[in-house]
Amino acid sequence: MEAVKQNNTVFVEVNKKLDEVEARLMDFTNSKLVIMDKEYSLKDWMTLSDYCKKYNIKPSRLSNWIERGVVPNDSIIIIPELNGLKLIKNQGYMARSYESRSVRSSSN
């Protein structure tokens, strides 16, 4: 069990270092995306797939959040020139918790 904990912390440390290197490279290259005369800094945006990996959520959950409005419309970019590629703003989003139906119906 101790070896698993140590391996997990090593993985977390390596992940943090890679994120730092990626951030430095983005700052260095100053990558920007221009769509309809509006500039977007690529360090602030990522693909839906990358977002799911980074924040450890399932793509279906992210899709659900987008449809329900948990992720605001201004936090999604659709790029028609790239076959409708969607980018999401790189920040955490949280859906509020709901009471289960059984709890609601028993309280009435």
Foldseek 3Di string as FASTA:
>chain_A
DVVVVVVVVVVVVVVVVVLVVVVVVLVVVQDWDADPNDIDRVVFKDFLVVLCVVVVHDSVVVVVCVVVCQQPPVQWDFDVVVVRTIIGTPDDTDDDDDDDPVVVVVVD
